[in-house]
Amino acid sequence: MSFAPASETGRQKGADHPGGPGRGYAAAVGAYVLWGLSPAFWPLLAPADAVESVAHRVAWTFLGMLLVITVARRWVDLRGLSRRTWALITAGSVLIAVNWGTYIWSTTNGHVVDAALGYYGTPLVSVLLAVVVLRERLRPVQWLAIGLAAAAVVVLTVGTGQLPWITLTLAVSFGLYGLVKKRVPLEPIPGLTAEGFLLGPLAIVFLVGLQITGAGTFTGFGAGHALLLVAAGPVTAIPLLLFAAGARRLPLATLGVLQYINPTLQFLWGVVVAGEPMPTSRWIGVALVWAALALFTADALRARG
């Protein structure tokens, strides 16, 4: 999965940051590749179910970010935050938990392609939210892209006989998360740590409760399984930090194009490695989404000159 774009500050010219655009490309591509290959990791956490896996992901990411923010000496960024900011952080925490839970469930239950479609659709949801929430006006090509995406949802619904809830949940939750994050005046490290303060302790209490009741899998399944659960933290945090480094060195338009590495790798994993079924209706839906993204990206690049 990918995180919401960082602030516009410092993005316009890679030369303004140490290492320049070269390191920016390496960091951003590294983040997207790691996210794109993540469907290979989450099934390894079995017999932990999706809920326990999310709890471990939240808990170990939180503990890891406590170390990162301490080393980076960024605790000062969390002092004196307003109630409004904490309310936004709380909303973001809930949205990303929903996103993570849905994603882990989908990748461990044979729905990697649906997850990939969700992340393909996130930029289009973000544009739609800009119209509905921020009252922005769209260009005709952008409306056409959203129309193609809507047609894809209809095709997938008719073809499967049910609403593509995984795709929609991932796209909408992450689109809303991006909207919230753009209003939180925090850089990635303190921002992710702040979210951890709200969810991390709850996740730790939940995991301790699972172990006490005998329903947890952290013990009893060998040291290898326990280490994999702990690894959920670095697997989450490392690409986030790589993305933050890339986002501060590359133009927004470049990041917009590179972000499709993630769902493309997920899609290929679902079709080629996991062997998920691809009936005609699903291929049509995928083609419509790709067409929408091609129009959206081309129009964005043209608009930015």
Protein backbone atom coordinates (compact mmCIF):
# COMPACT_ATOMS: atom_id res chain seq x y z
CA MET A 1 0.00 0.00 0.00
CA SER A 2 1.01 3.73 -0.34
CA PHE A 3 0.59 6.59 1.98
CA ALA A 4 -0.95 9.98 1.30
CA PRO A 5 1.33 12.54 -0.30
CA ALA A 6 3.36 14.67 2.04
CA SER A 7 3.02 18.43 2.06
CA GLU A 8 3.92 20.46 -0.99
CA THR A 9 6.81 22.09 0.86
CA GLY A 10 10.18 21.12 -0.54
CA ARG A 11 8.80 19.04 -3.35
CA GLN A 12 9.21 21.30 -6.25
CA LYS A 13 12.95 20.97 -6.81
CA GLY A 14 14.99 17.96 -5.89
CA ALA A 15 18.10 20.10 -5.75
CA ASP A 16 16.74 21.75 -2.60
CA HIS A 17 17.34 18.56 -0.60
CA PRO A 18 20.45 16.52 0.20
CA GLY A 19 21.12 13.94 -2.47
CA GLY A 20 18.84 15.61 -5.02
CA PRO A 21 16.43 13.82 -7.35
CA GLY A 22 18.67 10.76 -7.78
CA ARG A 23 18.17 9.66 -4.18
CA GLY A 24 14.57 10.77 -4.43
CA TYR A 25 13.90 8.37 -7.29
CA ALA A 26 15.69 5.54 -5.48
CA ALA A 27 13.72 6.12 -2.28
CA ALA A 28 10.32 6.50 -3.97
CA VAL A 29 10.78 3.49 -6.26
CA GLY A 30 12.04 1.46 -3.29
CA ALA A 31 8.92 2.35 -1.29
CA TYR A 32 6.53 1.49 -4.11
CA VAL A 33 8.29 -1.79 -4.91
CA LEU A 34 8.15 -2.85 -1.24
CA TRP A 35 4.46 -1.98 -1.09
CA GLY A 36 3.83 -3.77 -4.37
CA LEU A 37 5.48 -6.96 -3.12
CA SER A 38 3.79 -6.86 0.30
CA PRO A 39 1.12 -9.44 -0.71
CA ALA A 40 3.94 -11.97 -0.39
CA PHE A 41 4.45 -11.09 3.28
CA TRP A 42 1.05 -10.97 4.98
CA PRO A 43 0.02 -14.59 4.27
CA LEU A 44 3.21 -15.64 6.12
CA LEU A 45 1.61 -14.45 9.37
CA ALA A 46 -0.86 -17.36 9.39
CA PRO A 47 -2.30 -18.75 11.60
CA ALA A 48 -2.77 -15.16 12.83
CA ASP A 49 -5.98 -13.83 11.30
CA ALA A 50 -6.41 -10.39 9.73
CA VAL A 51 -7.44 -8.69 12.98
CA GLU A 52 -4.46 -10.00 14.95
CA SER A 53 -2.14 -9.20 12.04
CA VAL A 54 -3.37 -5.60 11.93
CA ALA A 55 -2.91 -5.31 15.70
CA HIS A 56 0.69 -6.51 15.41
CA ARG A 57 1.26 -4.16 12.49
CA VAL A 58 -0.03 -1.20 14.51
CA ALA A 59 1.75 -2.17 17.75
CA TRP A 60 5.20 -2.85 16.27
CA THR A 61 5.02 0.16 13.95
CA PHE A 62 4.19 2.33 16.96
CA LEU A 63 7.09 0.95 19.01
CA GLY A 64 9.42 1.36 16.05
CA MET A 65 8.34 4.95 15.45
CA LEU A 66 8.99 5.78 19.11
CA LEU A 67 12.61 4.79 18.45
CA VAL A 68 12.75 6.67 15.13
CA ILE A 69 11.33 9.92 16.50
CA THR A 70 13.71 9.74 19.45
CA VAL A 71 16.75 9.24 17.23
CA ALA A 72 15.54 12.00 14.89
CA ARG A 73 14.92 14.30 17.87
CA ARG A 74 11.47 15.26 16.62
CA TRP A 75 9.47 15.01 19.86
CA VAL A 76 9.18 18.80 19.88
CA ASP A 77 6.87 18.56 16.85
CA LEU A 78 4.20 16.89 18.97
CA ARG A 79 4.09 19.56 21.64
CA GLY A 80 1.26 22.07 21.79
CA LEU A 81 -0.92 20.50 19.10
CA SER A 82 -4.49 21.84 19.02
CA ARG A 83 -7.60 19.79 19.70
CA ARG A 84 -8.52 20.12 16.04
CA THR A 85 -5.18 18.61 15.01
CA TRP A 86 -5.61 15.70 17.42
CA ALA A 87 -9.15 15.19 16.11
CA LEU A 88 -7.76 14.98 12.57
CA ILE A 89 -5.03 12.59 13.73
CA THR A 90 -7.71 10.42 15.36
CA ALA A 91 -9.74 10.35 12.15
CA GLY A 92 -6.64 9.46 10.18
CA SER A 93 -5.80 6.67 12.62
CA VAL A 94 -9.24 5.10 12.21
CA LEU A 95 -9.15 5.38 8.42
CA ILE A 96 -5.69 3.82 8.08
CA ALA A 97 -6.67 1.01 10.46
CA VAL A 98 -9.68 0.24 8.24
CA ASN A 99 -7.43 0.38 5.18
CA TRP A 100 -4.77 -1.89 6.69
CA GLY A 101 -7.34 -4.38 7.97
CA THR A 102 -9.10 -4.62 4.61
CA TYR A 103 -5.80 -4.93 2.77
CA ILE A 104 -4.42 -7.69 4.97
CA TRP A 105 -7.70 -9.61 4.79
CA SER A 106 -7.77 -9.32 0.99
CA THR A 107 -4.17 -10.46 0.51
CA THR A 108 -4.68 -13.47 2.78
CA ASN A 109 -8.00 -14.52 1.28
CA GLY A 110 -7.29 -14.57 -2.46
CA HIS A 111 -8.31 -10.99 -3.34
CA VAL A 112 -4.97 -9.40 -4.29
CA VAL A 113 -6.34 -8.14 -7.62
CA ASP A 114 -9.26 -6.44 -5.86
CA ALA A 115 -6.74 -4.77 -3.53
CA ALA A 116 -4.66 -3.61 -6.50
CA LEU A 117 -7.75 -2.09 -8.10
CA GLY A 118 -8.44 -0.26 -4.85
CA TYR A 119 -5.03 1.43 -4.92
CA TYR A 120 -5.35 2.14 -8.64
CA GLY A 121 -8.58 3.94 -7.82
CA THR A 122 -7.26 6.01 -4.93
CA PRO A 123 -6.09 9.00 -7.05
CA LEU A 124 -9.51 9.15 -8.71
CA VAL A 125 -11.26 9.08 -5.33
CA SER A 126 -8.97 11.88 -4.17
CA VAL A 127 -10.01 13.98 -7.15
CA LEU A 128 -13.69 13.30 -6.45
CA LEU A 129 -13.22 14.28 -2.80
CA ALA A 130 -11.62 17.51 -3.95
CA VAL A 131 -14.86 18.33 -5.76
CA VAL A 132 -17.24 17.24 -3.00
CA VAL A 133 -15.32 18.47 0.05
CA LEU A 134 -13.00 21.21 -1.19
CA ARG A 135 -15.35 22.50 -3.91
CA GLU A 136 -12.66 22.33 -6.57
CA ARG A 137 -13.57 22.39 -10.24
CA LEU A 138 -12.51 19.56 -12.51
CA ARG A 139 -11.43 19.72 -16.10
CA PRO A 140 -13.46 17.74 -18.66
CA VAL A 141 -10.77 15.05 -18.96
CA GLN A 142 -10.84 14.54 -15.19
CA TRP A 143 -14.61 14.05 -15.27
CA LEU A 144 -14.16 11.54 -18.08
CA ALA A 145 -11.61 9.63 -15.98
CA ILE A 146 -14.01 9.48 -13.04
CA GLY A 147 -16.79 8.35 -15.38
CA LEU A 148 -14.63 5.47 -16.64
CA ALA A 149 -13.83 4.47 -13.06
CA ALA A 150 -17.55 4.49 -12.21
CA ALA A 151 -18.20 2.33 -15.27
CA ALA A 152 -15.54 -0.09 -14.01
CA VAL A 153 -17.40 -0.42 -10.68
CA VAL A 154 -20.63 -1.16 -12.57
CA VAL A 155 -18.94 -3.79 -14.75
CA LEU A 156 -17.29 -5.48 -11.78
CA THR A 157 -20.57 -5.44 -9.84
CA VAL A 158 -22.56 -6.97 -12.69
CA GLY A 159 -19.82 -9.50 -13.48
CA THR A 160 -19.47 -10.79 -9.91
CA GLY A 161 -23.03 -10.25 -8.75
CA GLN A 162 -21.89 -8.12 -5.81
CA LEU A 163 -20.43 -4.70 -5.14
CA PRO A 164 -16.59 -4.74 -5.25
CA TRP A 165 -16.43 -3.78 -1.57
CA ILE A 166 -12.72 -4.51 -1.14
CA THR A 167 -11.79 -2.22 -4.00
CA LEU A 168 -14.16 0.53 -2.86
CA THR A 169 -13.18 0.29 0.82
CA LEU A 170 -9.47 0.55 0.06
CA ALA A 171 -9.89 3.40 -2.42
CA VAL A 172 -12.30 5.43 -0.27
CA SER A 173 -10.54 4.88 3.06
CA PHE A 174 -7.15 5.83 1.64
CA GLY A 175 -8.59 8.75 -0.31
CA LEU A 176 -10.17 10.10 2.88
CA TYR A 177 -6.94 9.41 4.78
CA GLY A 178 -5.05 11.50 2.23
CA LEU A 179 -7.55 14.34 2.63
CA VAL A 180 -7.14 14.25 6.42
CA LYS A 181 -3.34 14.05 6.24
CA LYS A 182 -3.16 17.14 4.04
CA ARG A 183 -4.79 19.09 6.89
CA VAL A 184 -2.50 17.80 9.63
CA PRO A 185 0.46 20.18 10.12
CA LEU A 186 3.00 17.42 10.81
CA GLU A 187 5.86 15.87 8.87
CA PRO A 188 5.74 12.08 8.23
CA ILE A 189 7.81 10.93 11.24
CA PRO A 190 5.96 12.86 13.96
CA GLY A 191 2.66 12.36 12.09
CA LEU A 192 2.95 8.59 12.02
CA THR A 193 4.11 8.58 15.63
CA ALA A 194 1.10 10.66 16.68
CA GLU A 195 -1.23 8.19 14.97
CA GLY A 196 0.57 5.45 16.82
CA PHE A 197 -0.17 7.08 20.18
CA LEU A 198 -3.88 6.68 19.49
CA LEU A 199 -3.90 3.14 18.09
CA GLY A 200 -0.68 1.62 19.41
CA PRO A 201 -1.63 1.26 23.09
CA LEU A 202 -5.04 -0.16 22.11
CA ALA A 203 -3.35 -2.69 19.82
CA ILE A 204 -0.92 -3.71 22.57
CA VAL A 205 -3.73 -4.18 25.10
CA PHE A 206 -5.68 -6.21 22.52
CA LEU A 207 -2.70 -8.45 21.79
CA VAL A 208 -1.99 -9.02 25.49
CA GLY A 209 -5.64 -9.95 25.95
CA LEU A 210 -5.43 -12.43 23.07
CA GLN A 211 -2.42 -14.09 24.65
CA ILE A 212 -4.04 -14.26 28.09
CA THR A 213 -7.17 -15.89 26.67
CA GLY A 214 -5.12 -18.30 24.55
CA ALA A 215 -6.46 -16.91 21.27
CA GLY A 216 -3.22 -15.18 20.28
CA THR A 217 -0.55 -16.75 18.08
CA PHE A 218 2.53 -14.80 19.21
CA THR A 219 3.56 -17.75 21.38
CA GLY A 220 3.08 -21.43 20.72
CA PHE A 221 3.97 -21.39 17.03
CA GLY A 222 7.74 -21.12 17.21
CA ALA A 223 10.26 -18.30 17.22
CA GLY A 224 10.01 -17.89 13.45
CA HIS A 225 6.32 -17.02 13.62
CA ALA A 226 6.90 -14.57 16.47
CA LEU A 227 9.67 -12.84 14.51
CA LEU A 228 7.41 -12.53 11.48
CA LEU A 229 4.76 -10.82 13.61
CA VAL A 230 7.40 -8.41 14.94
CA ALA A 231 8.57 -7.81 11.36
CA ALA A 232 5.13 -6.38 10.56
CA GLY A 233 6.45 -3.16 12.13
CA PRO A 234 9.51 -2.65 9.90
CA VAL A 235 7.59 -3.93 6.87
CA THR A 236 5.17 -1.06 7.48
CA ALA A 237 7.59 1.66 8.60
CA ILE A 238 10.50 1.23 6.15
CA PRO A 239 8.55 1.95 2.94
CA LEU A 240 6.80 4.83 4.71
CA LEU A 241 10.12 6.44 5.56
CA LEU A 242 11.46 5.77 2.07
CA PHE A 243 8.36 7.38 0.61
CA ALA A 244 8.80 10.43 2.85
CA ALA A 245 12.41 10.78 1.66
CA GLY A 246 11.36 10.51 -1.98
CA ALA A 247 8.42 12.87 -1.60
CA ARG A 248 10.68 15.64 -0.32
CA ARG A 249 13.04 15.37 -3.32
CA LEU A 250 10.71 14.80 -6.28
CA PRO A 251 7.97 16.86 -7.96
CA LEU A 252 4.40 15.84 -7.18
CA ALA A 253 3.74 14.91 -10.81
CA THR A 254 6.67 12.48 -10.77
CA LEU A 255 5.38 10.83 -7.62
CA GLY A 256 1.96 10.59 -9.23
CA VAL A 257 3.35 8.51 -12.08
CA LEU A 258 5.65 6.38 -9.92
CA GLN A 259 2.83 5.47 -7.51
CA TYR A 260 1.35 3.08 -10.09
CA ILE A 261 4.32 0.76 -9.54
CA ASN A 262 2.63 -0.41 -6.33
CA PRO A 263 -0.77 -1.60 -7.63
CA THR A 264 0.80 -2.89 -10.86
CA LEU A 265 3.09 -5.23 -8.90
CA GLN A 266 0.15 -6.25 -6.71
CA PHE A 267 -1.95 -6.96 -9.79
CA LEU A 268 0.80 -9.06 -11.36
CA TRP A 269 1.26 -10.95 -8.08
CA GLY A 270 -2.46 -11.70 -7.89
CA VAL A 271 -2.70 -12.92 -11.50
CA VAL A 272 0.68 -14.57 -12.11
CA VAL A 273 1.75 -15.85 -8.67
CA ALA A 274 -1.49 -16.28 -6.74
CA GLY A 275 -3.37 -17.43 -9.86
CA GLU A 276 -6.55 -15.53 -9.04
CA PRO A 277 -9.37 -16.02 -11.57
CA MET A 278 -9.72 -13.30 -14.22
CA PRO A 279 -13.09 -13.64 -15.94
CA THR A 280 -13.93 -11.35 -18.85
CA SER A 281 -15.86 -8.89 -16.66
CA ARG A 282 -12.83 -8.42 -14.41
CA TRP A 283 -10.52 -7.79 -17.37
CA ILE A 284 -13.00 -5.21 -18.71
CA GLY A 285 -13.12 -3.55 -15.29
CA VAL A 286 -9.32 -3.49 -15.08
CA ALA A 287 -9.08 -2.04 -18.61
CA LEU A 288 -11.54 0.73 -17.71
CA VAL A 289 -9.55 1.60 -14.58
CA TRP A 290 -6.29 1.67 -16.54
CA ALA A 291 -7.89 3.89 -19.19
CA ALA A 292 -9.14 6.24 -16.49
CA LEU A 293 -5.69 6.42 -14.91
CA ALA A 294 -4.01 7.02 -18.28
CA LEU A 295 -6.33 9.98 -18.95
CA PHE A 296 -5.93 11.28 -15.41
CA THR A 297 -2.12 11.07 -15.46
CA ALA A 298 -1.75 12.54 -18.94
CA ASP A 299 -4.02 15.46 -18.02
CA ALA A 300 -2.15 16.07 -14.75
CA LEU A 301 1.23 16.10 -16.53
CA ARG A 302 -0.10 18.43 -19.23
CA ALA A 303 -1.59 20.80 -16.65
CA ARG A 304 1.73 21.00 -14.77
CA GLY A 305 3.62 21.78 -17.95
